[in-house]
Amino acid sequence: MGVFEVVKKSQIFVSMLMVQLFTTGMQLLSKVILGEGTFIFALLTYRHVVAALSISPFAFFFERGHSKKLTWSLFFWLFLSALTGMTGAMGLYYYGLRDTTATYAIVFLNLVPIFTFIFSSIAR
């Protein structure tokens, strides 16, 4: 078995390890920033702006030509779902992280898909 085969077989493991490392780093950095007294919604805004700037080039490149499927109505509902689902759940997460331990805050982080699903079900 050569090096190429070992690298190819370990891609999934390394990818999951990297996701966990980035998540842990972000939680630690967020805890430090919130401990300094940063306003939670300012941190949410910075996080979403950095995420949008990081993902936008990939979305423009890989999704070009598919923009005809996006209508203003669909864009509005996607925006509303993202605003309430992600901002609400991440706001709860940051309040939990600021006021309690990181272990308790993880419970709030796991509410993101639940909160988004419930709102999406209500809004259809």
PDB file of N, CA and C in Angstrom:
ATOM      1  N   MET A   1       0.854  -1.176   0.000  1.00  0.00           N
ATOM      2  CA  MET A   1       0.000   0.000   0.000  1.00  0.00           C
ATOM      3  C   MET A   1       0.897   1.235   0.000  1.00  0.00           C
ATOM      4  N   GLY A   2       0.693   2.083  -0.990  1.00  0.00           N
ATOM      5  CA  GLY A   2       1.521   3.265  -1.126  1.00  0.00           C
ATOM      6  C   GLY A   2       1.000   4.438  -0.322  1.00  0.00           C
ATOM      7  N   VAL A   3       1.745   5.502  -0.367  1.00  0.00           N
ATOM      8  CA  VAL A   3       1.381   6.711   0.360  1.00  0.00           C
ATOM      9  C   VAL A   3       0.083   7.301  -0.195  1.00  0.00           C
ATOM     10  N   PHE A   4      -0.091   7.243  -1.509  1.00  0.00           N
ATOM     11  CA  PHE A   4      -1.293   7.803  -2.132  1.00  0.00           C
ATOM     12  C   PHE A   4      -2.556   7.112  -1.630  1.00  0.00           C
ATOM     13  N   GLU A   5      -2.510   5.796  -1.506  1.00  0.00           N
ATOM     14  CA  GLU A   5      -3.677   5.055  -1.022  1.00  0.00           C
ATOM     15  C   GLU A   5      -3.977   5.377   0.437  1.00  0.00           C
ATOM     16  N   VAL A   6      -2.928   5.529   1.250  1.00  0.00           N
ATOM     17  CA  VAL A   6      -3.125   5.858   2.666  1.00  0.00           C
ATOM     18  C   VAL A   6      -3.762   7.239   2.801  1.00  0.00           C
ATOM     19  N   VAL A   7      -3.266   8.198   2.012  1.00  0.00           N
ATOM     20  CA  VAL A   7      -3.829   9.551   2.059  1.00  0.00           C
ATOM     21  C   VAL A   7      -5.277   9.541   1.589  1.00  0.00           C
ATOM     22  N   LYS A   8      -5.558   8.811   0.531  1.00  0.00           N
ATOM     23  CA  LYS A   8      -6.921   8.756  -0.003  1.00  0.00           C
ATOM     24  C   LYS A   8      -7.889   8.124   1.005  1.00  0.00           C
ATOM     25  N   LYS A   9      -7.458   7.087   1.702  1.00  0.00           N
ATOM     26  CA  LYS A   9      -8.331   6.417   2.670  1.00  0.00           C
ATOM     27  C   LYS A   9      -8.509   7.224   3.951  1.00  0.00           C
ATOM     28  N   SER A  10      -7.580   8.116   4.248  1.00  0.00           N
ATOM     29  CA  SER A  10      -7.669   8.875   5.491  1.00  0.00           C
ATOM     30  C   SER A  10      -8.287  10.255   5.305  1.00  0.00           C
ATOM     31  N   GLN A  11      -8.786  10.584   4.130  1.00  0.00           N
ATOM     32  CA  GLN A  11      -9.353  11.904   3.885  1.00  0.00           C
ATOM     33  C   GLN A  11     -10.574  12.182   4.759  1.00  0.00           C
ATOM     34  N   ILE A  12     -11.446  11.224   4.917  1.00  0.00           N
ATOM     35  CA  ILE A  12     -12.647  11.424   5.728  1.00  0.00           C
ATOM     36  C   ILE A  12     -12.268  11.648   7.186  1.00  0.00           C
ATOM     37  N   PHE A  13     -11.357  10.849   7.697  1.00  0.00           N
ATOM     38  CA  PHE A  13     -10.918  10.985   9.072  1.00  0.00           C
ATOM     39  C   PHE A  13     -10.256  12.340   9.303  1.00  0.00           C
ATOM     40  N   VAL A  14      -9.373  12.729   8.411  1.00  0.00           N
ATOM     41  CA  VAL A  14      -8.671  14.010   8.551  1.00  0.00           C
ATOM     42  C   VAL A  14      -9.657  15.172   8.424  1.00  0.00           C
ATOM     43  N   SER A  15     -10.634  15.063   7.531  1.00  0.00           N
ATOM     44  CA  SER A  15     -11.638  16.114   7.369  1.00  0.00           C
ATOM     45  C   SER A  15     -12.447  16.300   8.647  1.00  0.00           C
ATOM     46  N   MET A  16     -12.907  15.216   9.246  1.00  0.00           N
ATOM     47  CA  MET A  16     -13.669  15.312  10.491  1.00  0.00           C
ATOM     48  C   MET A  16     -12.812  15.852  11.631  1.00  0.00           C
ATOM     49  N   LEU A  17     -11.566  15.457  11.675  1.00  0.00           N
ATOM     50  CA  LEU A  17     -10.651  15.968  12.690  1.00  0.00           C
ATOM     51  C   LEU A  17     -10.455  17.473  12.527  1.00  0.00           C
ATOM     52  N   MET A  18     -10.323  17.936  11.294  1.00  0.00           N
ATOM     53  CA  MET A  18     -10.148  19.366  11.043  1.00  0.00           C
ATOM     54  C   MET A  18     -11.404  20.152  11.436  1.00  0.00           C
ATOM     55  N   VAL A  19     -12.583  19.603  11.151  1.00  0.00           N
ATOM     56  CA  VAL A  19     -13.825  20.274  11.541  1.00  0.00           C
ATOM     57  C   VAL A  19     -13.882  20.430  13.062  1.00  0.00           C
ATOM     58  N   GLN A  20     -13.533  19.374  13.781  1.00  0.00           N
ATOM     59  CA  GLN A  20     -13.562  19.441  15.240  1.00  0.00           C
ATOM     60  C   GLN A  20     -12.520  20.427  15.782  1.00  0.00           C
ATOM     61  N   LEU A  21     -11.352  20.456  15.169  1.00  0.00           N
ATOM     62  CA  LEU A  21     -10.316  21.401  15.598  1.00  0.00           C
ATOM     63  C   LEU A  21     -10.750  22.843  15.359  1.00  0.00           C
ATOM     64  N   PHE A  22     -11.327  23.125  14.198  1.00  0.00           N
ATOM     65  CA  PHE A  22     -11.795  24.480  13.907  1.00  0.00           C
ATOM     66  C   PHE A  22     -12.937  24.882  14.839  1.00  0.00           C
ATOM     67  N   THR A  23     -13.849  23.949  15.107  1.00  0.00           N
ATOM     68  CA  THR A  23     -14.966  24.243  16.001  1.00  0.00           C
ATOM     69  C   THR A  23     -14.473  24.534  17.415  1.00  0.00           C
ATOM     70  N   THR A  24     -13.534  23.741  17.885  1.00  0.00           N
ATOM     71  CA  THR A  24     -12.977  23.959  19.219  1.00  0.00           C
ATOM     72  C   THR A  24     -12.240  25.288  19.284  1.00  0.00           C
ATOM     73  N   GLY A  25     -11.463  25.583  18.259  1.00  0.00           N
ATOM     74  CA  GLY A  25     -10.757  26.867  18.215  1.00  0.00           C
ATOM     75  C   GLY A  25     -11.714  28.039  18.209  1.00  0.00           C
ATOM     76  N   MET A  26     -12.798  27.914  17.466  1.00  0.00           N
ATOM     77  CA  MET A  26     -13.778  28.992  17.413  1.00  0.00           C
ATOM     78  C   MET A  26     -14.482  29.169  18.757  1.00  0.00           C
ATOM     79  N   GLN A  27     -14.777  28.061  19.426  1.00  0.00           N
ATOM     80  CA  GLN A  27     -15.413  28.163  20.741  1.00  0.00           C
ATOM     81  C   GLN A  27     -14.492  28.826  21.750  1.00  0.00           C
ATOM     82  N   LEU A  28     -13.222  28.445  21.746  1.00  0.00           N
ATOM     83  CA  LEU A  28     -12.272  29.057  22.672  1.00  0.00           C
ATOM     84  C   LEU A  28     -12.084  30.538  22.372  1.00  0.00           C
ATOM     85  N   LEU A  29     -11.957  30.878  21.099  1.00  0.00           N
ATOM     86  CA  LEU A  29     -11.803  32.278  20.720  1.00  0.00           C
ATOM     87  C   LEU A  29     -13.058  33.078  21.085  1.00  0.00           C
ATOM     88  N   SER A  30     -14.225  32.496  20.861  1.00  0.00           N
ATOM     89  CA  SER A  30     -15.474  33.174  21.216  1.00  0.00           C
ATOM     90  C   SER A  30     -15.579  33.385  22.719  1.00  0.00           C
ATOM     91  N   LYS A  31     -15.167  32.397  23.505  1.00  0.00           N
ATOM     92  CA  LYS A  31     -15.213  32.523  24.969  1.00  0.00           C
ATOM     93  C   LYS A  31     -14.307  33.654  25.438  1.00  0.00           C
ATOM     94  N   VAL A  32     -13.116  33.757  24.836  1.00  0.00           N
ATOM     95  CA  VAL A  32     -12.191  34.831  25.202  1.00  0.00           C
ATOM     96  C   VAL A  32     -12.761  36.187  24.810  1.00  0.00           C
ATOM     97  N   ILE A  33     -13.306  36.282  23.589  1.00  0.00           N
ATOM     98  CA  ILE A  33     -13.862  37.550  23.111  1.00  0.00           C
ATOM     99  C   ILE A  33     -15.050  37.975  23.961  1.00  0.00           C
ATOM    100  N   LEU A  34     -15.932  37.043  24.296  1.00  0.00           N
ATOM    101  CA  LEU A  34     -17.091  37.380  25.121  1.00  0.00           C
ATOM    102  C   LEU A  34     -16.676  37.718  26.545  1.00  0.00           C
ATOM    103  N   GLY A  35     -15.607  37.113  27.024  1.00  0.00           N
ATOM    104  CA  GLY A  35     -15.092  37.432  28.353  1.00  0.00           C
ATOM    105  C   GLY A  35     -14.559  38.853  28.449  1.00  0.00           C
ATOM    106  N   GLU A  36     -14.150  39.413  27.326  1.00  0.00           N
ATOM    107  CA  GLU A  36     -13.666  40.787  27.284  1.00  0.00           C
ATOM    108  C   GLU A  36     -14.792  41.804  27.269  1.00  0.00           C
ATOM    109  N   GLY A  37     -16.038  41.341  27.097  1.00  0.00           N
ATOM    110  CA  GLY A  37     -17.175  42.242  27.141  1.00  0.00           C
ATOM    111  C   GLY A  37     -17.733  42.639  25.790  1.00  0.00           C
ATOM    112  N   THR A  38     -17.437  41.887  24.746  1.00  0.00           N
ATOM    113  CA  THR A  38     -17.956  42.193  23.425  1.00  0.00           C
ATOM    114  C   THR A  38     -19.468  41.988  23.387  1.00  0.00           C
ATOM    115  N   PHE A  39     -20.162  42.880  22.692  1.00  0.00           N
ATOM    116  CA  PHE A  39     -21.608  42.774  22.514  1.00  0.00           C
ATOM    117  C   PHE A  39     -21.898  41.547  21.650  1.00  0.00           C
ATOM    118  N   ILE A  40     -22.819  40.717  22.086  1.00  0.00           N
ATOM    119  CA  ILE A  40     -23.062  39.429  21.436  1.00  0.00           C
ATOM    120  C   ILE A  40     -23.517  39.594  19.990  1.00  0.00           C
ATOM    121  N   PHE A  41     -24.391  40.553  19.717  1.00  0.00           N
ATOM    122  CA  PHE A  41     -24.867  40.711  18.345  1.00  0.00           C
ATOM    123  C   PHE A  41     -23.805  41.306  17.430  1.00  0.00           C
ATOM    124  N   ALA A  42     -22.850  42.032  17.986  1.00  0.00           N
ATOM    125  CA  ALA A  42     -21.708  42.489  17.180  1.00  0.00           C
ATOM    126  C   ALA A  42     -20.857  41.288  16.776  1.00  0.00           C
ATOM    127  N   LEU A  43     -20.639  40.372  17.702  1.00  0.00           N
ATOM    128  CA  LEU A  43     -19.877  39.158  17.388  1.00  0.00           C
ATOM    129  C   LEU A  43     -20.604  38.316  16.343  1.00  0.00           C
ATOM    130  N   LEU A  44     -21.927  38.219  16.460  1.00  0.00           N
ATOM    131  CA  LEU A  44     -22.714  37.497  15.458  1.00  0.00           C
ATOM    132  C   LEU A  44     -22.576  38.138  14.080  1.00  0.00           C
ATOM    133  N   THR A  45     -22.617  39.455  14.045  1.00  0.00           N
ATOM    134  CA  THR A  45     -22.481  40.166  12.776  1.00  0.00           C
ATOM    135  C   THR A  45     -21.120  39.913  12.156  1.00  0.00           C
ATOM    136  N   TYR A  46     -20.064  40.023  12.941  1.00  0.00           N
ATOM    137  CA  TYR A  46     -18.716  39.766  12.426  1.00  0.00           C
ATOM    138  C   TYR A  46     -18.590  38.333  11.915  1.00  0.00           C
ATOM    139  N   ARG A  47     -19.154  37.407  12.654  1.00  0.00           N
ATOM    140  CA  ARG A  47     -19.072  36.000  12.254  1.00  0.00           C
ATOM    141  C   ARG A  47     -19.773  35.760  10.920  1.00  0.00           C
ATOM    142  N   HIS A  48     -20.960  36.331  10.745  1.00  0.00           N
ATOM    143  CA  HIS A  48     -21.703  36.134   9.510  1.00  0.00           C
ATOM    144  C   HIS A  48     -21.057  36.853   8.330  1.00  0.00           C
ATOM    145  N   VAL A  49     -20.472  38.017   8.566  1.00  0.00           N
ATOM    146  CA  VAL A  49     -19.796  38.742   7.484  1.00  0.00           C
ATOM    147  C   VAL A  49     -18.572  37.967   7.013  1.00  0.00           C
ATOM    148  N   VAL A  50     -17.775  37.456   7.942  1.00  0.00           N
ATOM    149  CA  VAL A  50     -16.597  36.670   7.570  1.00  0.00           C
ATOM    150  C   VAL A  50     -17.012  35.399   6.839  1.00  0.00           C
ATOM    151  N   ALA A  51     -18.075  34.750   7.298  1.00  0.00           N
ATOM    152  CA  ALA A  51     -18.554  33.541   6.633  1.00  0.00           C
ATOM    153  C   ALA A  51     -19.037  33.848   5.221  1.00  0.00           C
ATOM    154  N   ALA A  52     -19.775  34.934   5.060  1.00  0.00           N
ATOM    155  CA  ALA A  52     -20.277  35.294   3.727  1.00  0.00           C
ATOM    156  C   ALA A  52     -19.135  35.625   2.780  1.00  0.00           C
ATOM    157  N   LEU A  53     -18.150  36.356   3.265  1.00  0.00           N
ATOM    158  CA  LEU A  53     -17.011  36.696   2.411  1.00  0.00           C
ATOM    159  C   LEU A  53     -16.171  35.467   2.064  1.00  0.00           C
ATOM    160  N   SER A  54     -16.137  34.493   2.953  1.00  0.00           N
ATOM    161  CA  SER A  54     -15.361  33.279   2.694  1.00  0.00           C
ATOM    162  C   SER A  54     -16.062  32.347   1.706  1.00  0.00           C
ATOM    163  N   ILE A  55     -17.370  32.262   1.784  1.00  0.00           N
ATOM    164  CA  ILE A  55     -18.130  31.319   0.976  1.00  0.00           C
ATOM    165  C   ILE A  55     -18.551  31.897  -0.373  1.00  0.00           C
ATOM    166  N   SER A  56     -18.727  33.203  -0.454  1.00  0.00           N
ATOM    167  CA  SER A  56     -19.237  33.834  -1.679  1.00  0.00           C
ATOM    168  C   SER A  56     -18.463  33.481  -2.942  1.00  0.00           C
ATOM    169  N   PRO A  57     -17.129  33.517  -2.953  1.00  0.00           N
ATOM    170  CA  PRO A  57     -16.431  33.161  -4.197  1.00  0.00           C
ATOM    171  C   PRO A  57     -16.736  31.739  -4.676  1.00  0.00           C
ATOM    172  N   PHE A  58     -16.830  30.800  -3.745  1.00  0.00           N
ATOM    173  CA  PHE A  58     -17.160  29.428  -4.121  1.00  0.00           C
ATOM    174  C   PHE A  58     -18.582  29.333  -4.662  1.00  0.00           C
ATOM    175  N   ALA A  59     -19.518  30.040  -4.022  1.00  0.00           N
ATOM    176  CA  ALA A  59     -20.916  30.018  -4.477  1.00  0.00           C
ATOM    177  C   ALA A  59     -21.031  30.639  -5.869  1.00  0.00           C
ATOM    178  N   PHE A  60     -20.351  31.760  -6.102  1.00  0.00           N
ATOM    179  CA  PHE A  60     -20.413  32.390  -7.419  1.00  0.00           C
ATOM    180  C   PHE A  60     -19.805  31.498  -8.489  1.00  0.00           C
ATOM    181  N   PHE A  61     -18.740  30.780  -8.145  1.00  0.00           N
ATOM    182  CA  PHE A  61     -18.075  29.931  -9.127  1.00  0.00           C
ATOM    183  C   PHE A  61     -18.865  28.657  -9.423  1.00  0.00           C
ATOM    184  N   PHE A  62     -19.260  27.940  -8.377  1.00  0.00           N
ATOM    185  CA  PHE A  62     -19.911  26.644  -8.562  1.00  0.00           C
ATOM    186  C   PHE A  62     -21.397  26.749  -8.910  1.00  0.00           C
ATOM    187  N   GLU A  63     -22.045  27.834  -8.565  1.00  0.00           N
ATOM    188  CA  GLU A  63     -23.492  27.966  -8.789  1.00  0.00           C
ATOM    189  C   GLU A  63     -23.833  28.933  -9.910  1.00  0.00           C
ATOM    190  N   ARG A  64     -22.877  29.311 -10.720  1.00  0.00           N
ATOM    191  CA  ARG A  64     -23.189  30.224 -11.823  1.00  0.00           C
ATOM    192  C   ARG A  64     -24.113  29.505 -12.812  1.00  0.00           C
ATOM    193  N   GLY A  65     -25.051  30.245 -13.308  1.00  0.00           N
ATOM    194  CA  GLY A  65     -26.020  29.664 -14.223  1.00  0.00           C
ATOM    195  C   GLY A  65     -27.260  29.124 -13.541  1.00  0.00           C
ATOM    196  N   HIS A  66     -27.249  28.968 -12.253  1.00  0.00           N
ATOM    197  CA  HIS A  66     -28.401  28.450 -11.510  1.00  0.00           C
ATOM    198  C   HIS A  66     -29.215  29.567 -10.865  1.00  0.00           C
ATOM    199  N   SER A  67     -28.825  30.799 -11.074  1.00  0.00           N
ATOM    200  CA  SER A  67     -29.500  31.910 -10.396  1.00  0.00           C
ATOM    201  C   SER A  67     -30.906  32.147 -10.922  1.00  0.00           C
ATOM    202  N   LYS A  68     -31.262  31.583 -12.063  1.00  0.00           N
ATOM    203  CA  LYS A  68     -32.601  31.771 -12.606  1.00  0.00           C
ATOM    204  C   LYS A  68     -33.661  31.108 -11.731  1.00  0.00           C
ATOM    205  N   LYS A  69     -33.258  30.148 -10.935  1.00  0.00           N
ATOM    206  CA  LYS A  69     -34.203  29.439 -10.075  1.00  0.00           C
ATOM    207  C   LYS A  69     -34.549  30.244  -8.826  1.00  0.00           C
ATOM    208  N   LEU A  70     -33.755  31.261  -8.477  1.00  0.00           N
ATOM    209  CA  LEU A  70     -34.014  32.072  -7.292  1.00  0.00           C
ATOM    210  C   LEU A  70     -34.978  33.194  -7.633  1.00  0.00           C
ATOM    211  N   THR A  71     -36.133  33.167  -7.032  1.00  0.00           N
ATOM    212  CA  THR A  71     -37.092  34.250  -7.181  1.00  0.00           C
ATOM    213  C   THR A  71     -36.991  35.144  -5.953  1.00  0.00           C
ATOM    214  N   TRP A  72     -37.590  36.329  -6.031  1.00  0.00           N
ATOM    215  CA  TRP A  72     -37.541  37.233  -4.878  1.00  0.00           C
ATOM    216  C   TRP A  72     -38.285  36.639  -3.688  1.00  0.00           C
ATOM    217  N   SER A  73     -39.358  35.935  -3.953  1.00  0.00           N
ATOM    218  CA  SER A  73     -40.112  35.303  -2.867  1.00  0.00           C
ATOM    219  C   SER A  73     -39.269  34.228  -2.174  1.00  0.00           C
ATOM    220  N   LEU A  74     -38.602  33.408  -2.958  1.00  0.00           N
ATOM    221  CA  LEU A  74     -37.749  32.375  -2.382  1.00  0.00           C
ATOM    222  C   LEU A  74     -36.573  32.992  -1.628  1.00  0.00           C
ATOM    223  N   PHE A  75     -35.993  34.038  -2.199  1.00  0.00           N
ATOM    224  CA  PHE A  75     -34.889  34.719  -1.533  1.00  0.00           C
ATOM    225  C   PHE A  75     -35.339  35.297  -0.195  1.00  0.00           C
ATOM    226  N   PHE A  76     -36.543  35.883  -0.158  1.00  0.00           N
ATOM    227  CA  PHE A  76     -37.074  36.440   1.087  1.00  0.00           C
ATOM    228  C   PHE A  76     -37.236  35.361   2.149  1.00  0.00           C
ATOM    229  N   TRP A  77     -37.802  34.196   1.775  1.00  0.00           N
ATOM    230  CA  TRP A  77     -38.015  33.136   2.759  1.00  0.00           C
ATOM    231  C   TRP A  77     -36.702  32.516   3.213  1.00  0.00           C
ATOM    232  N   LEU A  78     -35.738  32.387   2.323  1.00  0.00           N
ATOM    233  CA  LEU A  78     -34.413  31.906   2.735  1.00  0.00           C
ATOM    234  C   LEU A  78     -33.759  32.884   3.701  1.00  0.00           C
ATOM    235  N   PHE A  79     -33.873  34.167   3.402  1.00  0.00           N
ATOM    236  CA  PHE A  79     -33.317  35.194   4.282  1.00  0.00           C
ATOM    237  C   PHE A  79     -33.980  35.157   5.650  1.00  0.00           C
ATOM    238  N   LEU A  80     -35.299  35.071   5.691  1.00  0.00           N
ATOM    239  CA  LEU A  80     -36.023  35.047   6.954  1.00  0.00           C
ATOM    240  C   LEU A  80     -35.681  33.811   7.775  1.00  0.00           C
ATOM    241  N   SER A  81     -35.578  32.674   7.113  1.00  0.00           N
ATOM    242  CA  SER A  81     -35.218  31.441   7.808  1.00  0.00           C
ATOM    243  C   SER A  81     -33.800  31.516   8.372  1.00  0.00           C
ATOM    244  N   ALA A  82     -32.877  32.042   7.584  1.00  0.00           N
ATOM    245  CA  ALA A  82     -31.498  32.165   8.054  1.00  0.00           C
ATOM    246  C   ALA A  82     -31.390  33.183   9.181  1.00  0.00           C
ATOM    247  N   LEU A  83     -32.117  34.280   9.047  1.00  0.00           N
ATOM    248  CA  LEU A  83     -32.060  35.326  10.066  1.00  0.00           C
ATOM    249  C   LEU A  83     -32.565  34.821  11.408  1.00  0.00           C
ATOM    250  N   THR A  84     -33.728  34.187  11.401  1.00  0.00           N
ATOM    251  CA  THR A  84     -34.291  33.741  12.673  1.00  0.00           C
ATOM    252  C   THR A  84     -33.648  32.444  13.152  1.00  0.00           C
ATOM    253  N   GLY A  85     -33.393  31.520  12.238  1.00  0.00           N
ATOM    254  CA  GLY A  85     -32.835  30.237  12.642  1.00  0.00           C
ATOM    255  C   GLY A  85     -31.401  30.351  13.134  1.00  0.00           C
ATOM    256  N   MET A  86     -30.546  30.920  12.315  1.00  0.00           N
ATOM    257  CA  MET A  86     -29.129  30.995  12.690  1.00  0.00           C
ATOM    258  C   MET A  86     -28.871  32.082  13.722  1.00  0.00           C
ATOM    259  N   THR A  87     -29.430  33.261  13.521  1.00  0.00           N
ATOM    260  CA  THR A  87     -29.159  34.349  14.457  1.00  0.00           C
ATOM    261  C   THR A  87     -29.760  34.051  15.823  1.00  0.00           C
ATOM    262  N   GLY A  88     -30.969  33.517  15.840  1.00  0.00           N
ATOM    263  CA  GLY A  88     -31.583  33.193  17.124  1.00  0.00           C
ATOM    264  C   GLY A  88     -30.833  32.104  17.866  1.00  0.00           C
ATOM    265  N   ALA A  89     -30.514  31.045  17.172  1.00  0.00           N
ATOM    266  CA  ALA A  89     -29.824  29.935  17.828  1.00  0.00           C
ATOM    267  C   ALA A  89     -28.396  30.308  18.216  1.00  0.00           C
ATOM    268  N   MET A  90     -27.686  31.019  17.351  1.00  0.00           N
ATOM    269  CA  MET A  90     -26.319  31.412  17.688  1.00  0.00           C
ATOM    270  C   MET A  90     -26.312  32.469  18.793  1.00  0.00           C
ATOM    271  N   GLY A  91     -27.346  33.299  18.829  1.00  0.00           N
ATOM    272  CA  GLY A  91     -27.465  34.242  19.941  1.00  0.00           C
ATOM    273  C   GLY A  91     -27.625  33.513  21.259  1.00  0.00           C
ATOM    274  N   LEU A  92     -28.484  32.494  21.277  1.00  0.00           N
ATOM    275  CA  LEU A  92     -28.626  31.681  22.491  1.00  0.00           C
ATOM    276  C   LEU A  92     -27.310  31.000  22.855  1.00  0.00           C
ATOM    277  N   TYR A  93     -26.606  30.521  21.833  1.00  0.00           N
ATOM    278  CA  TYR A  93     -25.321  29.862  22.081  1.00  0.00           C
ATOM    279  C   TYR A  93     -24.330  30.827  22.725  1.00  0.00           C
ATOM    280  N   TYR A  94     -24.222  32.037  22.185  1.00  0.00           N
ATOM    281  CA  TYR A  94     -23.266  32.999  22.730  1.00  0.00           C
ATOM    282  C   TYR A  94     -23.663  33.483  24.118  1.00  0.00           C
ATOM    283  N   TYR A  95     -24.968  33.635  24.371  1.00  0.00           N
ATOM    284  CA  TYR A  95     -25.398  33.968  25.734  1.00  0.00           C
ATOM    285  C   TYR A  95     -25.039  32.834  26.692  1.00  0.00           C
ATOM    286  N   GLY A  96     -25.249  31.599  26.256  1.00  0.00           N
ATOM    287  CA  GLY A  96     -24.876  30.466  27.097  1.00  0.00           C
ATOM    288  C   GLY A  96     -23.379  30.379  27.313  1.00  0.00           C
ATOM    289  N   LEU A  97     -22.607  30.658  26.276  1.00  0.00           N
ATOM    290  CA  LEU A  97     -21.150  30.617  26.398  1.00  0.00           C
ATOM    291  C   LEU A  97     -20.635  31.720  27.299  1.00  0.00           C
ATOM    292  N   ARG A  98     -21.242  32.902  27.224  1.00  0.00           N
ATOM    293  CA  ARG A  98     -20.791  34.019  28.052  1.00  0.00           C
ATOM    294  C   ARG A  98     -21.130  33.811  29.519  1.00  0.00           C
ATOM    295  N   ASP A  99     -22.313  33.284  29.793  1.00  0.00           N
ATOM    296  CA  ASP A  99     -22.794  33.225  31.170  1.00  0.00           C
ATOM    297  C   ASP A  99     -22.540  31.905  31.880  1.00  0.00           C
ATOM    298  N   THR A 100     -22.187  30.858  31.139  1.00  0.00           N
ATOM    299  CA  THR A 100     -21.972  29.554  31.767  1.00  0.00           C
ATOM    300  C   THR A 100     -20.688  28.935  31.235  1.00  0.00           C
ATOM    301  N   THR A 101     -20.563  27.645  31.445  1.00  0.00           N
ATOM    302  CA  THR A 101     -19.392  26.937  30.959  1.00  0.00           C
ATOM    303  C   THR A 101     -19.563  26.562  29.492  1.00  0.00           C
ATOM    304  N   ALA A 102     -18.468  26.179  28.867  1.00  0.00           N
ATOM    305  CA  ALA A 102     -18.509  25.792  27.454  1.00  0.00           C
ATOM    306  C   ALA A 102     -19.339  24.524  27.251  1.00  0.00           C
ATOM    307  N   THR A 103     -19.365  23.646  28.241  1.00  0.00           N
ATOM    308  CA  THR A 103     -20.144  22.408  28.129  1.00  0.00           C
ATOM    309  C   THR A 103     -21.627  22.710  28.008  1.00  0.00           C
ATOM    310  N   TYR A 104     -22.108  23.618  28.822  1.00  0.00           N
ATOM    311  CA  TYR A 104     -23.525  23.984  28.771  1.00  0.00           C
ATOM    312  C   TYR A 104     -23.840  24.725  27.475  1.00  0.00           C
ATOM    313  N   ALA A 105     -22.901  25.502  26.992  1.00  0.00           N
ATOM    314  CA  ALA A 105     -23.120  26.264  25.761  1.00  0.00           C
ATOM    315  C   ALA A 105     -23.247  25.348  24.548  1.00  0.00           C
ATOM    316  N   ILE A 106     -22.608  24.190  24.578  1.00  0.00           N
ATOM    317  CA  ILE A 106     -22.707  23.253  23.466  1.00  0.00           C
ATOM    318  C   ILE A 106     -24.146  22.779  23.290  1.00  0.00           C
ATOM    319  N   VAL A 107     -24.896  22.693  24.391  1.00  0.00           N
ATOM    320  CA  VAL A 107     -26.299  22.320  24.297  1.00  0.00           C
ATOM    321  C   VAL A 107     -27.040  23.345  23.438  1.00  0.00           C
ATOM    322  N   PHE A 108     -26.734  24.618  23.631  1.00  0.00           N
ATOM    323  CA  PHE A 108     -27.354  25.658  22.814  1.00  0.00           C
ATOM    324  C   PHE A 108     -26.936  25.545  21.356  1.00  0.00           C
ATOM    325  N   LEU A 109     -25.704  25.183  21.108  1.00  0.00           N
ATOM    326  CA  LEU A 109     -25.225  25.038  19.730  1.00  0.00           C
ATOM    327  C   LEU A 109     -25.964  23.920  19.009  1.00  0.00           C
ATOM    328  N   ASN A 110     -26.329  22.878  19.725  1.00  0.00           N
ATOM    329  CA  ASN A 110     -27.074  21.781  19.119  1.00  0.00           C
ATOM    330  C   ASN A 110     -28.526  22.146  18.819  1.00  0.00           C
ATOM    331  N   LEU A 111     -28.974  23.303  19.288  1.00  0.00           N
ATOM    332  CA  LEU A 111     -30.331  23.756  18.993  1.00  0.00           C
ATOM    333  C   LEU A 111     -30.460  24.385  17.608  1.00  0.00           C
ATOM    334  N   VAL A 112     -29.353  24.660  16.942  1.00  0.00           N
ATOM    335  CA  VAL A 112     -29.401  25.331  15.635  1.00  0.00           C
ATOM    336  C   VAL A 112     -30.262  24.568  14.639  1.00  0.00           C
ATOM    337  N   PRO A 113     -30.020  23.280  14.381  1.00  0.00           N
ATOM    338  CA  PRO A 113     -30.882  22.609  13.403  1.00  0.00           C
ATOM    339  C   PRO A 113     -32.320  22.451  13.886  1.00  0.00           C
ATOM    340  N   ILE A 114     -32.523  22.266  15.175  1.00  0.00           N
ATOM    341  CA  ILE A 114     -33.877  22.107  15.705  1.00  0.00           C
ATOM    342  C   ILE A 114     -34.666  23.399  15.548  1.00  0.00           C
ATOM    343  N   PHE A 115     -34.044  24.511  15.929  1.00  0.00           N
ATOM    344  CA  PHE A 115     -34.696  25.821  15.845  1.00  0.00           C
ATOM    345  C   PHE A 115     -35.021  26.162  14.392  1.00  0.00           C
ATOM    346  N   THR A 116     -34.104  25.892  13.488  1.00  0.00           N
ATOM    347  CA  THR A 116     -34.324  26.164  12.065  1.00  0.00           C
ATOM    348  C   THR A 116     -35.431  25.280  11.506  1.00  0.00           C
ATOM    349  N   PHE A 117     -35.447  24.003  11.875  1.00  0.00           N
ATOM    350  CA  PHE A 117     -36.486  23.092  11.401  1.00  0.00           C
ATOM    351  C   PHE A 117     -37.863  23.510  11.879  1.00  0.00           C
ATOM    352  N   ILE A 118     -37.973  23.879  13.147  1.00  0.00           N
ATOM    353  CA  ILE A 118     -39.273  24.272  13.697  1.00  0.00           C
ATOM    354  C   ILE A 118     -39.793  25.513  12.987  1.00  0.00           C
ATOM    355  N   PHE A 119     -38.910  26.533  12.815  1.00  0.00           N
ATOM    356  CA  PHE A 119     -39.365  27.739  12.126  1.00  0.00           C
ATOM    357  C   PHE A 119     -39.732  27.446  10.679  1.00  0.00           C
ATOM    358  N   SER A 120     -38.944  26.623  10.011  1.00  0.00           N
ATOM    359  CA  SER A 120     -39.236  26.286   8.619  1.00  0.00           C
ATOM    360  C   SER A 120     -40.549  25.520   8.503  1.00  0.00           C
ATOM    361  N   SER A 121     -40.845  24.676   9.469  1.00  0.00           N
ATOM    362  CA  SER A 121     -42.105  23.941   9.451  1.00  0.00           C
ATOM    363  C   SER A 121     -43.296  24.870   9.660  1.00  0.00           C
ATOM    364  N   ILE A 122     -43.122  25.844  10.538  1.00  0.00           N
ATOM    365  CA  ILE A 122     -44.201  26.802  10.793  1.00  0.00           C
ATOM    366  C   ILE A 122     -44.418  27.679   9.568  1.00  0.00           C
ATOM    367  N   ALA A 123     -43.340  28.133   8.948  1.00  0.00           N
ATOM    368  CA  ALA A 123     -43.434  29.037   7.803  1.00  0.00           C
ATOM    369  C   ALA A 123     -43.722  28.298   6.485  1.00  0.00           C
ATOM    370  N   ARG A 124     -43.608  27.007   6.519  1.00  0.00           N
ATOM    371  CA  ARG A 124     -43.813  26.140   5.349  1.00  0.00           C
ATOM    372  C   ARG A 124     -42.882  26.509   4.231  1.00  0.00           C
TER     373      ARG A 124
END
